[in-house]
Amino acid sequence: MSEPASNPIICATTAIGKINVVAVDAIKGDNVAGATVAVYNTNGVLVLKGTTDANGNFVTYSCTGTFKEYGEMVNVSADQTSSVKAALQPTSSRLSGR
């Protein structure tokens, strides 16, 4: 697993956890490097954005709470890492999680 991205975060509490997103090709099953990751809160507001590394991973610190990533709800607890496997569908020459 990669080291967490150094995104600045502002939380209402001091409790933070981590989100680990693994982007995979839905057809081949291979990890996808360079995929854009966008994490939204339950109101649909973008709260984190980044890019997967060479192994298809995106790891970042996050406030605790519930978030949505590639259609999956993610619960982030203090001092824990929550993981999501995002199966990306090919669209033309790109892969998409939506």
C-alpha atoms as a PDB file:
ATOM      1  CA  MET A   1       0.000   0.000   0.000  1.00  0.00           C
ATOM      2  CA  SER A   2       1.250   3.502  -0.811  1.00  0.00           C
ATOM      3  CA  GLU A   3       1.993   6.204   1.703  1.00  0.00           C
ATOM      4  CA  PRO A   4      -0.953   8.576   2.235  1.00  0.00           C
ATOM      5  CA  ALA A   5      -1.207  11.529  -0.130  1.00  0.00           C
ATOM      6  CA  SER A   6      -0.328  14.848   1.455  1.00  0.00           C
ATOM      7  CA  ASN A   7      -3.681  16.526   0.852  1.00  0.00           C
ATOM      8  CA  PRO A   8      -4.509  19.238   3.375  1.00  0.00           C
ATOM      9  CA  ILE A   9      -7.598  18.251   5.375  1.00  0.00           C
ATOM     10  CA  ILE A  10      -9.717  20.282   7.760  1.00  0.00           C
ATOM     11  CA  CYS A  11     -11.860  18.240  10.139  1.00  0.00           C
ATOM     12  CA  ALA A  12     -14.503  19.291  12.647  1.00  0.00           C
ATOM     13  CA  THR A  13     -12.853  16.950  15.170  1.00  0.00           C
ATOM     14  CA  THR A  14      -9.313  15.742  15.688  1.00  0.00           C
ATOM     15  CA  ALA A  15     -10.333  12.185  14.743  1.00  0.00           C
ATOM     16  CA  ILE A  16      -8.918  11.140  11.371  1.00  0.00           C
ATOM     17  CA  GLY A  17      -8.556   7.891   9.485  1.00  0.00           C
ATOM     18  CA  LYS A  18      -7.358   6.864   6.034  1.00  0.00           C
ATOM     19  CA  ILE A  19      -9.072   5.969   2.788  1.00  0.00           C
ATOM     20  CA  ASN A  20      -7.408   3.463   0.457  1.00  0.00           C
ATOM     21  CA  VAL A  21      -8.852   3.217  -3.052  1.00  0.00           C
ATOM     22  CA  VAL A  22      -7.660   0.442  -5.364  1.00  0.00           C
ATOM     23  CA  ALA A  23      -8.633   1.079  -8.996  1.00  0.00           C
ATOM     24  CA  VAL A  24      -8.992  -2.076 -11.102  1.00  0.00           C
ATOM     25  CA  ASP A  25      -9.992  -2.749 -14.689  1.00  0.00           C
ATOM     26  CA  ALA A  26     -13.466  -4.328 -14.372  1.00  0.00           C
ATOM     27  CA  ILE A  27     -12.857  -6.638 -17.356  1.00  0.00           C
ATOM     28  CA  LYS A  28      -9.213  -7.675 -16.997  1.00  0.00           C
ATOM     29  CA  GLY A  29      -8.905  -7.317 -13.214  1.00  0.00           C
ATOM     30  CA  ASP A  30      -5.595  -5.460 -13.534  1.00  0.00           C
ATOM     31  CA  ASN A  31      -4.824  -2.527 -11.244  1.00  0.00           C
ATOM     32  CA  VAL A  32      -5.101   0.839 -13.012  1.00  0.00           C
ATOM     33  CA  ALA A  33      -2.282   3.355 -12.563  1.00  0.00           C
ATOM     34  CA  GLY A  34      -3.040   7.046 -13.083  1.00  0.00           C
ATOM     35  CA  ALA A  35      -6.794   6.804 -12.432  1.00  0.00           C
ATOM     36  CA  THR A  36      -8.429   9.923 -11.011  1.00  0.00           C
ATOM     37  CA  VAL A  37     -10.024   9.341  -7.613  1.00  0.00           C
ATOM     38  CA  ALA A  38     -12.789  11.651  -6.383  1.00  0.00           C
ATOM     39  CA  VAL A  39     -14.300  11.194  -2.914  1.00  0.00           C
ATOM     40  CA  TYR A  40     -17.611  12.883  -2.057  1.00  0.00           C
ATOM     41  CA  ASN A  41     -19.405  13.431   1.236  1.00  0.00           C
ATOM     42  CA  THR A  42     -22.978  12.185   1.682  1.00  0.00           C
ATOM     43  CA  ASN A  43     -24.282  15.525   0.319  1.00  0.00           C
ATOM     44  CA  GLY A  44     -22.439  14.981  -2.964  1.00  0.00           C
ATOM     45  CA  VAL A  45     -19.751  17.587  -2.278  1.00  0.00           C
ATOM     46  CA  LEU A  46     -16.225  16.732  -3.467  1.00  0.00           C
ATOM     47  CA  VAL A  47     -13.951  16.450  -0.420  1.00  0.00           C
ATOM     48  CA  LEU A  48     -10.847  14.661  -1.753  1.00  0.00           C
ATOM     49  CA  LYS A  49      -9.302  14.193  -5.163  1.00  0.00           C
ATOM     50  CA  GLY A  50      -6.147  12.465  -6.306  1.00  0.00           C
ATOM     51  CA  THR A  51      -4.544   9.997  -8.692  1.00  0.00           C
ATOM     52  CA  THR A  52      -3.704   6.328  -8.224  1.00  0.00           C
ATOM     53  CA  ASP A  53      -0.046   5.362  -8.084  1.00  0.00           C
ATOM     54  CA  ALA A  54       1.804   2.844 -10.282  1.00  0.00           C
ATOM     55  CA  ASN A  55       0.080   0.000  -8.385  1.00  0.00           C
ATOM     56  CA  GLY A  56      -3.429   1.436  -8.781  1.00  0.00           C
ATOM     57  CA  ASN A  57      -3.623   2.672  -5.170  1.00  0.00           C
ATOM     58  CA  PHE A  58      -4.669   6.038  -3.791  1.00  0.00           C
ATOM     59  CA  VAL A  59      -4.268   6.452  -0.030  1.00  0.00           C
ATOM     60  CA  THR A  60      -5.004   9.622   1.890  1.00  0.00           C
ATOM     61  CA  TYR A  61      -5.858  10.826   5.373  1.00  0.00           C
ATOM     62  CA  SER A  62      -9.506  11.733   5.860  1.00  0.00           C
ATOM     63  CA  CYS A  63     -11.859  13.112   8.453  1.00  0.00           C
ATOM     64  CA  THR A  64     -14.011  10.458  10.066  1.00  0.00           C
ATOM     65  CA  GLY A  65     -17.464   9.987   8.569  1.00  0.00           C
ATOM     66  CA  THR A  66     -19.238   8.441   5.615  1.00  0.00           C
ATOM     67  CA  PHE A  67     -18.096   9.154   2.072  1.00  0.00           C
ATOM     68  CA  LYS A  68     -18.913   7.954  -1.437  1.00  0.00           C
ATOM     69  CA  GLU A  69     -16.251   6.703  -3.825  1.00  0.00           C
ATOM     70  CA  TYR A  70     -17.066   5.094  -7.192  1.00  0.00           C
ATOM     71  CA  GLY A  71     -20.634   4.489  -6.046  1.00  0.00           C
ATOM     72  CA  GLU A  72     -19.531   2.738  -2.849  1.00  0.00           C
ATOM     73  CA  MET A  73     -20.227   4.129   0.607  1.00  0.00           C
ATOM     74  CA  VAL A  74     -17.087   4.230   2.764  1.00  0.00           C
ATOM     75  CA  ASN A  75     -17.150   4.614   6.544  1.00  0.00           C
ATOM     76  CA  VAL A  76     -13.941   6.130   7.889  1.00  0.00           C
ATOM     77  CA  SER A  77     -13.223   5.578  11.578  1.00  0.00           C
ATOM     78  CA  ALA A  78     -10.532   7.193  13.714  1.00  0.00           C
ATOM     79  CA  ASP A  79      -7.105   5.600  13.377  1.00  0.00           C
ATOM     80  CA  GLN A  80      -8.390   3.034  10.846  1.00  0.00           C
ATOM     81  CA  THR A  81      -7.885   2.519   7.106  1.00  0.00           C
ATOM     82  CA  SER A  82     -11.054   2.017   5.060  1.00  0.00           C
ATOM     83  CA  SER A  83     -10.600   0.402   1.650  1.00  0.00           C
ATOM     84  CA  VAL A  84     -12.610   0.532  -1.562  1.00  0.00           C
ATOM     85  CA  LYS A  85     -11.986  -1.531  -4.676  1.00  0.00           C
ATOM     86  CA  ALA A  86     -13.155   0.543  -7.631  1.00  0.00           C
ATOM     87  CA  ALA A  87     -13.934  -1.540 -10.729  1.00  0.00           C
ATOM     88  CA  LEU A  88     -13.481   0.785 -13.699  1.00  0.00           C
ATOM     89  CA  GLN A  89     -15.393   0.131 -16.916  1.00  0.00           C
ATOM     90  CA  PRO A  90     -13.735   0.905 -20.263  1.00  0.00           C
ATOM     91  CA  THR A  91     -15.268   3.837 -22.144  1.00  0.00           C
ATOM     92  CA  SER A  92     -13.608   4.414 -25.501  1.00  0.00           C
ATOM     93  CA  SER A  93      -9.899   4.482 -24.714  1.00  0.00           C
ATOM     94  CA  ARG A  94     -10.383   5.352 -21.025  1.00  0.00           C
ATOM     95  CA  LEU A  95     -11.640   3.607 -17.909  1.00  0.00           C
ATOM     96  CA  SER A  96     -14.522   5.038 -15.922  1.00  0.00           C
ATOM     97  CA  GLY A  97     -15.985   4.286 -12.499  1.00  0.00           C
ATOM     98  CA  ARG A  98     -19.384   5.776 -13.281  1.00  0.00           C
END
